[in-house]
Amino acid sequence: MNGQQAPAKLLGRREREAVRLVAERGYVRSRELAEAVGISLSSASHVLDRLVRRGFLVREPVYLVTRRSRLGYALTGAAQDLINS
């Protein structure tokens, strides 16, 4: 591949799990990732932040029934390509 690694190879196990979870649910919050993957809330936040910095996720407000906005994470086109490969 011209010395380049496939996108999936560039992600660690937790990053891949996070991308798959967001793909399944449409969006995810840090706490949901932590519970689903069995990691601390702090670790989940770091995983999600890395994926945002690398262009796989975007932060967006998630409006709850209480009318309070919380940040959730949704897939970018790069992550969709990863899922489909």
PDB file of N, CA and C in Angstrom:
ATOM      1  N   MET A   1       0.829  -1.205   0.000  1.00  0.00           N
ATOM      2  CA  MET A   1       0.000   0.000   0.000  1.00  0.00           C
ATOM      3  C   MET A   1       0.862   1.253   0.000  1.00  0.00           C
ATOM      4  N   ASN A   2       1.891   1.297  -0.762  1.00  0.00           N
ATOM      5  CA  ASN A   2       2.749   2.475  -0.870  1.00  0.00           C
ATOM      6  C   ASN A   2       3.308   2.921   0.472  1.00  0.00           C
ATOM      7  N   GLY A   3       3.597   1.974   1.376  1.00  0.00           N
ATOM      8  CA  GLY A   3       4.156   2.332   2.673  1.00  0.00           C
ATOM      9  C   GLY A   3       3.147   2.876   3.659  1.00  0.00           C
ATOM     10  N   GLN A   4       1.883   2.943   3.277  1.00  0.00           N
ATOM     11  CA  GLN A   4       0.851   3.445   4.182  1.00  0.00           C
ATOM     12  C   GLN A   4       0.094   2.263   4.765  1.00  0.00           C
ATOM     13  N   GLN A   5      -0.290   2.411   6.011  1.00  0.00           N
ATOM     14  CA  GLN A   5      -1.075   1.377   6.659  1.00  0.00           C
ATOM     15  C   GLN A   5      -2.552   1.618   6.413  1.00  0.00           C
ATOM     16  N   ALA A   6      -3.317   0.532   6.392  1.00  0.00           N
ATOM     17  CA  ALA A   6      -4.771   0.668   6.288  1.00  0.00           C
ATOM     18  C   ALA A   6      -5.280   1.380   7.533  1.00  0.00           C
ATOM     19  N   PRO A   7      -6.363   2.181   7.431  1.00  0.00           N
ATOM     20  CA  PRO A   7      -6.872   2.930   8.588  1.00  0.00           C
ATOM     21  C   PRO A   7      -7.116   2.066   9.821  1.00  0.00           C
ATOM     22  N   ALA A   8      -7.637   0.855   9.639  1.00  0.00           N
ATOM     23  CA  ALA A   8      -7.928  -0.001  10.784  1.00  0.00           C
ATOM     24  C   ALA A   8      -6.651  -0.353  11.545  1.00  0.00           C
ATOM     25  N   LYS A   9      -5.538  -0.463  10.860  1.00  0.00           N
ATOM     26  CA  LYS A   9      -4.266  -0.792  11.504  1.00  0.00           C
ATOM     27  C   LYS A   9      -3.748   0.371  12.347  1.00  0.00           C
ATOM     28  N   LEU A  10      -4.199   1.574  12.052  1.00  0.00           N
ATOM     29  CA  LEU A  10      -3.750   2.755  12.777  1.00  0.00           C
ATOM     30  C   LEU A  10      -4.475   2.941  14.099  1.00  0.00           C
ATOM     31  N   LEU A  11      -5.541   2.203  14.314  1.00  0.00           N
ATOM     32  CA  LEU A  11      -6.338   2.339  15.528  1.00  0.00           C
ATOM     33  C   LEU A  11      -6.060   1.182  16.476  1.00  0.00           C
ATOM     34  N   GLY A  12      -6.016   1.499  17.758  1.00  0.00           N
ATOM     35  CA  GLY A  12      -5.881   0.464  18.772  1.00  0.00           C
ATOM     36  C   GLY A  12      -7.212  -0.246  18.985  1.00  0.00           C
ATOM     37  N   ARG A  13      -7.177  -1.281  19.798  1.00  0.00           N
ATOM     38  CA  ARG A  13      -8.382  -2.086  20.057  1.00  0.00           C
ATOM     39  C   ARG A  13      -9.516  -1.226  20.620  1.00  0.00           C
ATOM     40  N   ARG A  14      -9.219  -0.380  21.590  1.00  0.00           N
ATOM     41  CA  ARG A  14     -10.283   0.437  22.192  1.00  0.00           C
ATOM     42  C   ARG A  14     -10.834   1.447  21.203  1.00  0.00           C
ATOM     43  N   GLU A  15      -9.962   2.011  20.372  1.00  0.00           N
ATOM     44  CA  GLU A  15     -10.431   2.947  19.353  1.00  0.00           C
ATOM     45  C   GLU A  15     -11.356   2.253  18.364  1.00  0.00           C
ATOM     46  N   ARG A  16     -10.985   1.048  17.938  1.00  0.00           N
ATOM     47  CA  ARG A  16     -11.854   0.291  17.015  1.00  0.00           C
ATOM     48  C   ARG A  16     -13.187  -0.039  17.666  1.00  0.00           C
ATOM     49  N   GLU A  17     -13.156  -0.428  18.951  1.00  0.00           N
ATOM     50  CA  GLU A  17     -14.402  -0.714  19.673  1.00  0.00           C
ATOM     51  C   GLU A  17     -15.280   0.525  19.751  1.00  0.00           C
ATOM     52  N   ALA A  18     -14.667   1.669  19.987  1.00  0.00           N
ATOM     53  CA  ALA A  18     -15.427   2.919  20.077  1.00  0.00           C
ATOM     54  C   ALA A  18     -16.072   3.249  18.740  1.00  0.00           C
ATOM     55  N   VAL A  19     -15.317   3.128  17.653  1.00  0.00           N
ATOM     56  CA  VAL A  19     -15.868   3.420  16.322  1.00  0.00           C
ATOM     57  C   VAL A  19     -17.021   2.476  16.015  1.00  0.00           C
ATOM     58  N   ARG A  20     -16.868   1.207  16.319  1.00  0.00           N
ATOM     59  CA  ARG A  20     -17.958   0.240  16.069  1.00  0.00           C
ATOM     60  C   ARG A  20     -19.198   0.572  16.893  1.00  0.00           C
ATOM     61  N   LEU A  21     -18.988   0.947  18.153  1.00  0.00           N
ATOM     62  CA  LEU A  21     -20.121   1.276  19.020  1.00  0.00           C
ATOM     63  C   LEU A  21     -20.864   2.501  18.497  1.00  0.00           C
ATOM     64  N   VAL A  22     -20.134   3.520  18.085  1.00  0.00           N
ATOM     65  CA  VAL A  22     -20.776   4.717  17.533  1.00  0.00           C
ATOM     66  C   VAL A  22     -21.508   4.364  16.243  1.00  0.00           C
ATOM     67  N   ALA A  23     -20.919   3.503  15.427  1.00  0.00           N
ATOM     68  CA  ALA A  23     -21.575   3.087  14.180  1.00  0.00           C
ATOM     69  C   ALA A  23     -22.887   2.363  14.475  1.00  0.00           C
ATOM     70  N   GLU A  24     -22.904   1.536  15.499  1.00  0.00           N
ATOM     71  CA  GLU A  24     -24.116   0.794  15.860  1.00  0.00           C
ATOM     72  C   GLU A  24     -25.202   1.707  16.422  1.00  0.00           C
ATOM     73  N   ARG A  25     -24.805   2.656  17.254  1.00  0.00           N
ATOM     74  CA  ARG A  25     -25.781   3.474  17.980  1.00  0.00           C
ATOM     75  C   ARG A  25     -26.088   4.811  17.316  1.00  0.00           C
ATOM     76  N   GLY A  26     -25.247   5.255  16.416  1.00  0.00           N
ATOM     77  CA  GLY A  26     -25.450   6.548  15.784  1.00  0.00           C
ATOM     78  C   GLY A  26     -24.708   7.664  16.498  1.00  0.00           C
ATOM     79  N   TYR A  27     -24.598   7.594  17.796  1.00  0.00           N
ATOM     80  CA  TYR A  27     -23.786   8.496  18.604  1.00  0.00           C
ATOM     81  C   TYR A  27     -23.541   7.795  19.933  1.00  0.00           C
ATOM     82  N   VAL A  28     -22.593   8.291  20.672  1.00  0.00           N
ATOM     83  CA  VAL A  28     -22.301   7.711  21.983  1.00  0.00           C
ATOM     84  C   VAL A  28     -21.740   8.800  22.889  1.00  0.00           C
ATOM     85  N   ARG A  29     -22.015   8.679  24.167  1.00  0.00           N
ATOM     86  CA  ARG A  29     -21.420   9.574  25.167  1.00  0.00           C
ATOM     87  C   ARG A  29     -20.296   8.821  25.863  1.00  0.00           C
ATOM     88  N   SER A  30     -19.427   9.551  26.507  1.00  0.00           N
ATOM     89  CA  SER A  30     -18.262   8.951  27.173  1.00  0.00           C
ATOM     90  C   SER A  30     -18.674   7.848  28.149  1.00  0.00           C
ATOM     91  N   ARG A  31     -19.668   8.124  28.948  1.00  0.00           N
ATOM     92  CA  ARG A  31     -20.109   7.142  29.946  1.00  0.00           C
ATOM     93  C   ARG A  31     -20.605   5.856  29.276  1.00  0.00           C
ATOM     94  N   GLU A  32     -21.303   5.977  28.170  1.00  0.00           N
ATOM     95  CA  GLU A  32     -21.804   4.790  27.464  1.00  0.00           C
ATOM     96  C   GLU A  32     -20.649   3.947  26.930  1.00  0.00           C
ATOM     97  N   LEU A  33     -19.632   4.608  26.401  1.00  0.00           N
ATOM     98  CA  LEU A  33     -18.468   3.865  25.922  1.00  0.00           C
ATOM     99  C   LEU A  33     -17.769   3.173  27.081  1.00  0.00           C
ATOM    100  N   ALA A  34     -17.585   3.886  28.184  1.00  0.00           N
ATOM    101  CA  ALA A  34     -16.917   3.307  29.352  1.00  0.00           C
ATOM    102  C   ALA A  34     -17.636   2.045  29.821  1.00  0.00           C
ATOM    103  N   GLU A  35     -18.953   2.108  29.905  1.00  0.00           N
ATOM    104  CA  GLU A  35     -19.729   0.954  30.362  1.00  0.00           C
ATOM    105  C   GLU A  35     -19.694  -0.188  29.355  1.00  0.00           C
ATOM    106  N   ALA A  36     -19.788   0.122  28.080  1.00  0.00           N
ATOM    107  CA  ALA A  36     -19.834  -0.917  27.048  1.00  0.00           C
ATOM    108  C   ALA A  36     -18.505  -1.648  26.889  1.00  0.00           C
ATOM    109  N   VAL A  37     -17.405  -0.920  27.064  1.00  0.00           N
ATOM    110  CA  VAL A  37     -16.082  -1.496  26.827  1.00  0.00           C
ATOM    111  C   VAL A  37     -15.430  -1.962  28.132  1.00  0.00           C
ATOM    112  N   GLY A  38     -15.949  -1.505  29.263  1.00  0.00           N
ATOM    113  CA  GLY A  38     -15.394  -1.905  30.551  1.00  0.00           C
ATOM    114  C   GLY A  38     -14.136  -1.147  30.921  1.00  0.00           C
ATOM    115  N   ILE A  39     -14.140   0.169  30.649  1.00  0.00           N
ATOM    116  CA  ILE A  39     -13.003   1.017  30.999  1.00  0.00           C
ATOM    117  C   ILE A  39     -13.515   2.177  31.842  1.00  0.00           C
ATOM    118  N   SER A  40     -12.588   2.913  32.441  1.00  0.00           N
ATOM    119  CA  SER A  40     -12.986   4.050  33.272  1.00  0.00           C
ATOM    120  C   SER A  40     -13.538   5.174  32.392  1.00  0.00           C
ATOM    121  N   LEU A  41     -14.284   6.060  33.016  1.00  0.00           N
ATOM    122  CA  LEU A  41     -14.825   7.214  32.307  1.00  0.00           C
ATOM    123  C   LEU A  41     -13.698   8.075  31.746  1.00  0.00           C
ATOM    124  N   SER A  42     -12.634   8.234  32.510  1.00  0.00           N
ATOM    125  CA  SER A  42     -11.484   9.010  32.062  1.00  0.00           C
ATOM    126  C   SER A  42     -10.843   8.381  30.817  1.00  0.00           C
ATOM    127  N   SER A  43     -10.669   7.066  30.840  1.00  0.00           N
ATOM    128  CA  SER A  43     -10.094   6.370  29.674  1.00  0.00           C
ATOM    129  C   SER A  43     -10.988   6.514  28.458  1.00  0.00           C
ATOM    130  N   ALA A  44     -12.297   6.400  28.661  1.00  0.00           N
ATOM    131  CA  ALA A  44     -13.236   6.542  27.550  1.00  0.00           C
ATOM    132  C   ALA A  44     -13.143   7.942  26.948  1.00  0.00           C
ATOM    133  N   SER A  45     -13.042   8.951  27.794  1.00  0.00           N
ATOM    134  CA  SER A  45     -12.914  10.322  27.299  1.00  0.00           C
ATOM    135  C   SER A  45     -11.647  10.489  26.471  1.00  0.00           C
ATOM    136  N   HIS A  46     -10.550   9.899  26.935  1.00  0.00           N
ATOM    137  CA  HIS A  46      -9.289   9.982  26.190  1.00  0.00           C
ATOM    138  C   HIS A  46      -9.387   9.281  24.838  1.00  0.00           C
ATOM    139  N   VAL A  47     -10.020   8.114  24.813  1.00  0.00           N
ATOM    140  CA  VAL A  47     -10.204   7.377  23.550  1.00  0.00           C
ATOM    141  C   VAL A  47     -11.010   8.228  22.572  1.00  0.00           C
ATOM    142  N   LEU A  48     -12.112   8.786  23.035  1.00  0.00           N
ATOM    143  CA  LEU A  48     -12.964   9.592  22.167  1.00  0.00           C
ATOM    144  C   LEU A  48     -12.251  10.857  21.700  1.00  0.00           C
ATOM    145  N   ASP A  49     -11.502  11.491  22.587  1.00  0.00           N
ATOM    146  CA  ASP A  49     -10.751  12.686  22.197  1.00  0.00           C
ATOM    147  C   ASP A  49      -9.707  12.367  21.130  1.00  0.00           C
ATOM    148  N   ARG A  50      -9.022  11.228  21.269  1.00  0.00           N
ATOM    149  CA  ARG A  50      -8.042  10.830  20.239  1.00  0.00           C
ATOM    150  C   ARG A  50      -8.722  10.632  18.897  1.00  0.00           C
ATOM    151  N   LEU A  51      -9.890  10.002  18.907  1.00  0.00           N
ATOM    152  CA  LEU A  51     -10.610   9.760  17.650  1.00  0.00           C
ATOM    153  C   LEU A  51     -11.097  11.065  17.021  1.00  0.00           C
ATOM    154  N   VAL A  52     -11.448  12.035  17.835  1.00  0.00           N
ATOM    155  CA  VAL A  52     -11.830  13.354  17.318  1.00  0.00           C
ATOM    156  C   VAL A  52     -10.612  14.016  16.676  1.00  0.00           C
ATOM    157  N   ARG A  53      -9.477  14.028  17.393  1.00  0.00           N
ATOM    158  CA  ARG A  53      -8.261  14.653  16.862  1.00  0.00           C
ATOM    159  C   ARG A  53      -7.811  14.006  15.550  1.00  0.00           C
ATOM    160  N   ARG A  54      -8.046  12.709  15.419  1.00  0.00           N
ATOM    161  CA  ARG A  54      -7.606  11.999  14.217  1.00  0.00           C
ATOM    162  C   ARG A  54      -8.646  12.023  13.104  1.00  0.00           C
ATOM    163  N   GLY A  55      -9.789  12.640  13.367  1.00  0.00           N
ATOM    164  CA  GLY A  55     -10.790  12.833  12.325  1.00  0.00           C
ATOM    165  C   GLY A  55     -11.779  11.698  12.143  1.00  0.00           C
ATOM    166  N   PHE A  56     -11.841  10.755  13.101  1.00  0.00           N
ATOM    167  CA  PHE A  56     -12.780   9.644  12.989  1.00  0.00           C
ATOM    168  C   PHE A  56     -14.136   9.955  13.616  1.00  0.00           C
ATOM    169  N   LEU A  57     -14.165  10.862  14.601  1.00  0.00           N
ATOM    170  CA  LEU A  57     -15.407  11.246  15.265  1.00  0.00           C
ATOM    171  C   LEU A  57     -15.517  12.760  15.313  1.00  0.00           C
ATOM    172  N   VAL A  58     -16.732  13.232  15.474  1.00  0.00           N
ATOM    173  CA  VAL A  58     -16.980  14.645  15.733  1.00  0.00           C
ATOM    174  C   VAL A  58     -17.795  14.751  17.011  1.00  0.00           C
ATOM    175  N   ARG A  59     -17.568  15.821  17.754  1.00  0.00           N
ATOM    176  CA  ARG A  59     -18.385  16.097  18.943  1.00  0.00           C
ATOM    177  C   ARG A  59     -19.614  16.865  18.492  1.00  0.00           C
ATOM    178  N   GLU A  60     -20.735  16.494  19.041  1.00  0.00           N
ATOM    179  CA  GLU A  60     -21.954  17.256  18.757  1.00  0.00           C
ATOM    180  C   GLU A  60     -22.876  17.172  19.952  1.00  0.00           C
ATOM    181  N   PRO A  61     -23.709  18.189  20.133  1.00  0.00           N
ATOM    182  CA  PRO A  61     -24.623  18.161  21.276  1.00  0.00           C
ATOM    183  C   PRO A  61     -25.682  17.079  21.108  1.00  0.00           C
ATOM    184  N   VAL A  62     -25.988  16.424  22.215  1.00  0.00           N
ATOM    185  CA  VAL A  62     -27.048  15.421  22.254  1.00  0.00           C
ATOM    186  C   VAL A  62     -28.081  15.960  23.225  1.00  0.00           C
ATOM    187  N   TYR A  63     -29.271  16.199  22.725  1.00  0.00           N
ATOM    188  CA  TYR A  63     -30.312  16.778  23.568  1.00  0.00           C
ATOM    189  C   TYR A  63     -31.119  15.668  24.222  1.00  0.00           C
ATOM    190  N   LEU A  64     -31.242  15.777  25.503  1.00  0.00           N
ATOM    191  CA  LEU A  64     -31.950  14.773  26.280  1.00  0.00           C
ATOM    192  C   LEU A  64     -33.339  15.277  26.622  1.00  0.00           C
ATOM    193  N   VAL A  65     -34.147  14.411  27.175  1.00  0.00           N
ATOM    194  CA  VAL A  65     -35.514  14.748  27.551  1.00  0.00           C
ATOM    195  C   VAL A  65     -35.530  15.925  28.529  1.00  0.00           C
ATOM    196  N   THR A  66     -34.495  16.043  29.322  1.00  0.00           N
ATOM    197  CA  THR A  66     -34.442  17.109  30.322  1.00  0.00           C
ATOM    198  C   THR A  66     -34.117  18.465  29.714  1.00  0.00           C
ATOM    199  N   ARG A  67     -33.958  18.530  28.395  1.00  0.00           N
ATOM    200  CA  ARG A  67     -33.608  19.744  27.664  1.00  0.00           C
ATOM    201  C   ARG A  67     -32.188  20.208  27.942  1.00  0.00           C
ATOM    202  N   ARG A  68     -31.428  19.361  28.604  1.00  0.00           N
ATOM    203  CA  ARG A  68     -30.018  19.685  28.830  1.00  0.00           C
ATOM    204  C   ARG A  68     -29.217  19.091  27.683  1.00  0.00           C
ATOM    205  N   SER A  69     -28.257  19.823  27.248  1.00  0.00           N
ATOM    206  CA  SER A  69     -27.401  19.363  26.173  1.00  0.00           C
ATOM    207  C   SER A  69     -26.155  18.722  26.765  1.00  0.00           C
ATOM    208  N   ARG A  70     -25.776  17.590  26.236  1.00  0.00           N
ATOM    209  CA  ARG A  70     -24.522  16.951  26.597  1.00  0.00           C
ATOM    210  C   ARG A  70     -23.795  16.626  25.321  1.00  0.00           C
ATOM    211  N   LEU A  71     -22.493  16.539  25.408  1.00  0.00           N
ATOM    212  CA  LEU A  71     -21.735  16.215  24.211  1.00  0.00           C
ATOM    213  C   LEU A  71     -21.798  14.731  23.924  1.00  0.00           C
ATOM    214  N   GLY A  72     -22.044  14.411  22.682  1.00  0.00           N
ATOM    215  CA  GLY A  72     -21.984  13.049  22.199  1.00  0.00           C
ATOM    216  C   GLY A  72     -20.994  13.012  21.053  1.00  0.00           C
ATOM    217  N   TYR A  73     -20.746  11.859  20.524  1.00  0.00           N
ATOM    218  CA  TYR A  73     -19.776  11.691  19.448  1.00  0.00           C
ATOM    219  C   TYR A  73     -20.437  10.947  18.304  1.00  0.00           C
ATOM    220  N   ALA A  74     -20.192  11.405  17.087  1.00  0.00           N
ATOM    221  CA  ALA A  74     -20.755  10.782  15.891  1.00  0.00           C
ATOM    222  C   ALA A  74     -19.626  10.525  14.903  1.00  0.00           C
ATOM    223  N   LEU A  75     -19.865   9.603  13.977  1.00  0.00           N
ATOM    224  CA  LEU A  75     -18.852   9.205  13.001  1.00  0.00           C
ATOM    225  C   LEU A  75     -18.634  10.260  11.932  1.00  0.00           C
ATOM    226  N   THR A  76     -17.412  10.327  11.447  1.00  0.00           N
ATOM    227  CA  THR A  76     -17.081  11.136  10.277  1.00  0.00           C
ATOM    228  C   THR A  76     -17.023  10.218   9.067  1.00  0.00           C
ATOM    229  N   GLY A  77     -16.816  10.790   7.897  1.00  0.00           N
ATOM    230  CA  GLY A  77     -16.682   9.989   6.683  1.00  0.00           C
ATOM    231  C   GLY A  77     -15.509   9.031   6.756  1.00  0.00           C
ATOM    232  N   ALA A  78     -14.405   9.443   7.380  1.00  0.00           N
ATOM    233  CA  ALA A  78     -13.236   8.576   7.503  1.00  0.00           C
ATOM    234  C   ALA A  78     -13.577   7.316   8.310  1.00  0.00           C
ATOM    235  N   ALA A  79     -14.375   7.488   9.340  1.00  0.00           N
ATOM    236  CA  ALA A  79     -14.773   6.336  10.149  1.00  0.00           C
ATOM    237  C   ALA A  79     -15.719   5.446   9.361  1.00  0.00           C
ATOM    238  N   GLN A  80     -16.600   6.019   8.574  1.00  0.00           N
ATOM    239  CA  GLN A  80     -17.489   5.213   7.738  1.00  0.00           C
ATOM    240  C   GLN A  80     -16.681   4.365   6.777  1.00  0.00           C
ATOM    241  N   ASP A  81     -15.628   4.938   6.198  1.00  0.00           N
ATOM    242  CA  ASP A  81     -14.753   4.179   5.299  1.00  0.00           C
ATOM    243  C   ASP A  81     -14.104   3.026   6.038  1.00  0.00           C
ATOM    244  N   LEU A  82     -13.708   3.247   7.285  1.00  0.00           N
ATOM    245  CA  LEU A  82     -13.081   2.210   8.093  1.00  0.00           C
ATOM    246  C   LEU A  82     -14.061   1.073   8.338  1.00  0.00           C
ATOM    247  N   ILE A  83     -15.283   1.408   8.668  1.00  0.00           N
ATOM    248  CA  ILE A  83     -16.313   0.393   8.947  1.00  0.00           C
ATOM    249  C   ILE A  83     -16.586  -0.437   7.695  1.00  0.00           C
ATOM    250  N   ASN A  84     -16.624   0.224   6.555  1.00  0.00           N
ATOM    251  CA  ASN A  84     -16.975  -0.453   5.299  1.00  0.00           C
ATOM    252  C   ASN A  84     -15.825  -1.230   4.689  1.00  0.00           C
ATOM    253  N   SER A  85     -14.595  -1.061   5.212  1.00  0.00           N
ATOM    254  CA  SER A  85     -13.457  -1.777   4.611  1.00  0.00           C
ATOM    255  C   SER A  85     -13.242  -3.123   5.213  1.00  0.00           C
TER     256      SER A  85
END
